[in-house]
């Protein structure tokens, strides 16, 4: 009986020690952060990554959607347009305007900050009203990239309606003041 009690106490102590050690271990940390100031030739609003694997590949849509949600983008994780890669530049076959989200994958090698080989990051940035068709990066081992979101180009009629609405608002306010 004494042996059974002693073994039970030893098991309880061992279990307590293991639980205590797991409290210090904590959850696994996030992947290395991407830089919002140095990675792209456009001003970056936010970014998510770098995470191991090629999440720009449509076969990893669930993981990509999860990473995109970290920067406030609801997506199915499949790019709406794939980029072509030329050195460290992503080229798009359409002009990107306004709020834009892209993903890029570094193939073999790493960047100047030592980001993990074979990793993916997602960037949200403002492509402006003039738009861009390519995005320069500092990654010399780009494998592929994809477009996940870009704003449509306002039609001239939209601007005309906006101006007409502002004009009518001004007339109404002026009449009210009289």
Protein backbone atom coordinates (compact mmCIF):
# COMPACT_ATOMS: atom_id res chain seq x y z
CA UNK A 1 0.00 0.00 0.00
CA UNK A 2 2.88 2.37 0.88
CA UNK A 3 4.41 1.72 -2.54
CA UNK A 4 1.13 2.57 -4.27
CA UNK A 5 0.80 5.86 -2.32
CA UNK A 6 4.45 6.74 -3.03
CA UNK A 7 4.00 6.03 -6.78
CA UNK A 8 0.82 8.15 -6.86
CA UNK A 9 2.62 11.07 -5.17
CA UNK A 10 5.56 10.76 -7.60
CA UNK A 11 3.14 10.75 -10.55
CA UNK A 12 1.36 13.84 -9.19
CA UNK A 13 4.67 15.68 -8.73
CA UNK A 14 5.79 14.74 -12.23
CA UNK A 15 2.47 15.89 -13.72
CA UNK A 16 2.67 19.19 -11.81
CA UNK A 17 6.21 19.78 -13.03
CA UNK A 18 5.22 19.09 -16.63
CA UNK A 19 2.24 21.47 -16.41
CA UNK A 20 4.46 24.15 -14.87
CA UNK A 21 7.03 23.81 -17.66
CA UNK A 22 4.35 24.06 -20.34
CA UNK A 23 3.21 27.37 -18.85
CA UNK A 24 6.68 28.78 -19.46
CA UNK A 25 6.86 27.41 -22.97
CA UNK A 26 3.78 29.36 -24.12
CA UNK A 27 2.24 29.13 -27.56
CA UNK A 28 4.50 29.08 -30.60
CA UNK A 29 5.41 32.59 -31.69
CA UNK A 30 4.24 34.20 -34.92
CA UNK A 31 6.32 33.80 -38.05
CA UNK A 32 9.04 36.42 -38.53
CA UNK A 33 7.41 39.75 -39.25
CA UNK A 34 7.62 41.34 -42.66
CA UNK A 35 8.80 44.90 -42.89
CA UNK A 36 6.25 47.55 -43.76
CA UNK A 37 8.89 50.02 -44.84
CA UNK A 38 11.57 48.23 -46.82
CA UNK A 39 10.10 45.35 -48.78
CA UNK A 40 8.25 47.06 -51.62
CA UNK A 41 8.63 50.13 -53.81
CA UNK A 42 5.17 51.33 -52.72
CA UNK A 43 4.16 52.56 -49.22
CA UNK A 44 2.89 49.51 -47.33
CA UNK A 45 -0.14 49.80 -45.04
CA UNK A 46 0.26 46.37 -43.42
CA UNK A 47 1.76 42.98 -44.05
CA UNK A 48 1.49 39.40 -42.90
CA UNK A 49 4.28 36.83 -43.06
CA UNK A 50 6.78 35.41 -43.61
CA UNK A 51 5.45 31.92 -43.23
CA UNK A 52 7.03 28.76 -44.54
CA UNK A 53 5.65 27.40 -47.80
CA UNK A 54 4.27 28.72 -51.06
CA UNK A 55 0.86 30.04 -49.98
CA UNK A 56 0.44 31.95 -53.26
CA UNK A 57 -0.03 28.54 -54.88
CA UNK A 58 -3.78 27.87 -55.13
CA UNK A 59 -3.28 24.50 -53.40
CA UNK A 60 -2.76 26.35 -50.10
CA UNK A 61 -5.82 28.60 -50.24
CA UNK A 62 -6.93 27.90 -46.66
CA UNK A 63 -3.56 28.92 -45.21
CA UNK A 64 -3.43 31.97 -47.49
CA UNK A 65 -6.93 33.04 -46.40
CA UNK A 66 -5.82 32.77 -42.77
CA UNK A 67 -2.74 34.94 -43.38
CA UNK A 68 -4.80 37.48 -45.34
CA UNK A 69 -7.27 37.75 -42.46
CA UNK A 70 -4.38 38.95 -40.26
CA UNK A 71 -4.24 42.13 -42.35
CA UNK A 72 -8.02 42.53 -42.47
CA UNK A 73 -8.68 40.97 -45.87
CA UNK A 74 -11.51 38.48 -46.35
CA UNK A 75 -10.52 36.19 -49.20
CA UNK A 76 -10.86 32.60 -50.31
CA UNK A 77 -7.05 32.59 -50.51
CA UNK A 78 -6.89 32.11 -54.27
CA UNK A 79 -5.21 34.91 -56.25
CA UNK A 80 -7.47 36.74 -58.72
CA UNK A 81 -4.45 37.31 -60.96
CA UNK A 82 -0.98 35.78 -61.01
CA UNK A 83 2.06 37.98 -61.43
CA UNK A 84 5.02 37.28 -63.66
CA UNK A 85 8.42 37.51 -62.02
CA UNK A 86 11.38 39.35 -63.47
CA UNK A 87 14.32 39.33 -61.05
CA UNK A 88 13.04 41.04 -57.92
CA UNK A 89 9.97 42.59 -59.59
CA UNK A 90 6.38 41.37 -59.74
CA UNK A 91 4.65 42.39 -62.98
CA UNK A 92 0.86 42.40 -63.35
CA UNK A 93 -1.12 42.26 -66.60
CA UNK A 94 -3.57 44.87 -65.30
CA UNK A 95 -3.04 48.20 -63.59
CA UNK A 96 -3.46 48.13 -59.81
CA UNK A 97 -5.33 51.05 -58.23
CA UNK A 98 -6.12 52.17 -54.68
CA UNK A 99 -6.20 49.62 -51.90
CA UNK A 100 -4.30 46.59 -53.20
CA UNK A 101 -3.26 43.28 -51.66
CA UNK A 102 -0.59 41.02 -53.12
CA UNK A 103 1.17 37.89 -51.98
CA UNK A 104 4.73 36.99 -52.84
CA UNK A 105 6.73 33.82 -52.46
CA UNK A 106 10.48 33.67 -52.01
CA UNK A 107 11.83 30.51 -53.62
CA UNK A 108 15.33 29.33 -52.76
CA UNK A 109 17.52 31.67 -50.78
CA UNK A 110 16.52 34.48 -48.45
CA UNK A 111 16.28 38.25 -48.36
CA UNK A 112 18.79 40.65 -46.84
CA UNK A 113 17.17 40.36 -43.41
CA UNK A 114 17.44 36.57 -43.45
CA UNK A 115 13.74 35.75 -43.86
CA UNK A 116 13.13 32.05 -44.15
CA UNK A 117 13.75 30.28 -47.45
CA UNK A 118 10.63 29.04 -49.17
CA UNK A 119 8.34 31.54 -47.46
CA UNK A 120 5.33 33.70 -48.28
CA UNK A 121 4.21 37.18 -47.22
CA UNK A 122 1.12 39.23 -48.01
CA UNK A 123 1.15 43.02 -48.39
CA UNK A 124 -1.62 45.61 -48.29
CA UNK A 125 -0.72 48.96 -49.87
CA UNK A 126 -2.17 51.97 -51.67
CA UNK A 127 -1.38 51.80 -55.39
CA UNK A 128 -2.73 55.34 -55.79
CA UNK A 129 -4.96 56.85 -58.45
CA UNK A 130 -2.32 56.74 -61.18
CA UNK A 131 -1.91 53.00 -60.56
CA UNK A 132 1.02 50.62 -60.91
CA UNK A 133 1.62 47.58 -63.08
CA UNK A 134 4.72 46.31 -61.29
CA UNK A 135 6.01 46.18 -57.74
CA UNK A 136 9.72 46.15 -57.01
CA UNK A 137 10.88 44.12 -54.04
CA UNK A 138 14.28 43.52 -52.51
CA UNK A 139 13.94 39.76 -52.82
CA UNK A 140 16.29 38.38 -55.43
CA UNK A 141 14.79 34.90 -55.27
CA UNK A 142 11.12 35.59 -56.00
CA UNK A 143 9.32 32.49 -57.15
CA UNK A 144 5.81 33.80 -57.81
CA UNK A 145 3.25 36.36 -56.74
CA UNK A 146 -0.46 36.93 -56.86
CA UNK A 147 -3.01 39.71 -56.67
CA UNK A 148 -5.77 39.28 -54.08
CA UNK A 149 -7.47 42.70 -54.11
CA UNK A 150 -7.31 45.95 -56.05
CA UNK A 151 -9.75 48.84 -56.32
CA UNK A 152 -11.61 49.38 -59.58
CA UNK A 153 -10.91 52.47 -61.65
CA UNK A 154 -13.71 55.02 -61.26
CA UNK A 155 -15.39 55.79 -64.58
CA UNK A 156 -15.48 59.46 -65.69
CA UNK A 157 -19.26 59.38 -65.26
CA UNK A 158 -18.75 58.53 -61.58
CA UNK A 159 -16.65 61.65 -61.11
CA UNK A 160 -19.30 63.69 -62.96
CA UNK A 161 -22.06 62.39 -60.70
CA UNK A 162 -19.92 63.12 -57.64
CA UNK A 163 -19.34 66.72 -58.77
CA UNK A 164 -23.04 67.18 -59.58
CA UNK A 165 -24.00 65.88 -56.13
CA UNK A 166 -21.55 68.20 -54.40
CA UNK A 167 -22.88 71.11 -56.50
CA UNK A 168 -26.49 70.33 -55.56
CA UNK A 169 -25.48 70.07 -51.91
CA UNK A 170 -23.85 73.50 -52.15
CA UNK A 171 -26.99 74.99 -53.74
CA UNK A 172 -29.18 73.49 -51.04
CA UNK A 173 -26.94 74.82 -48.25
CA UNK A 174 -26.83 78.28 -49.84
CA UNK A 175 -30.65 78.38 -50.13
CA UNK A 176 -30.96 77.31 -46.51
CA UNK A 177 -28.62 80.10 -45.38
CA UNK A 178 -30.75 82.80 -47.10
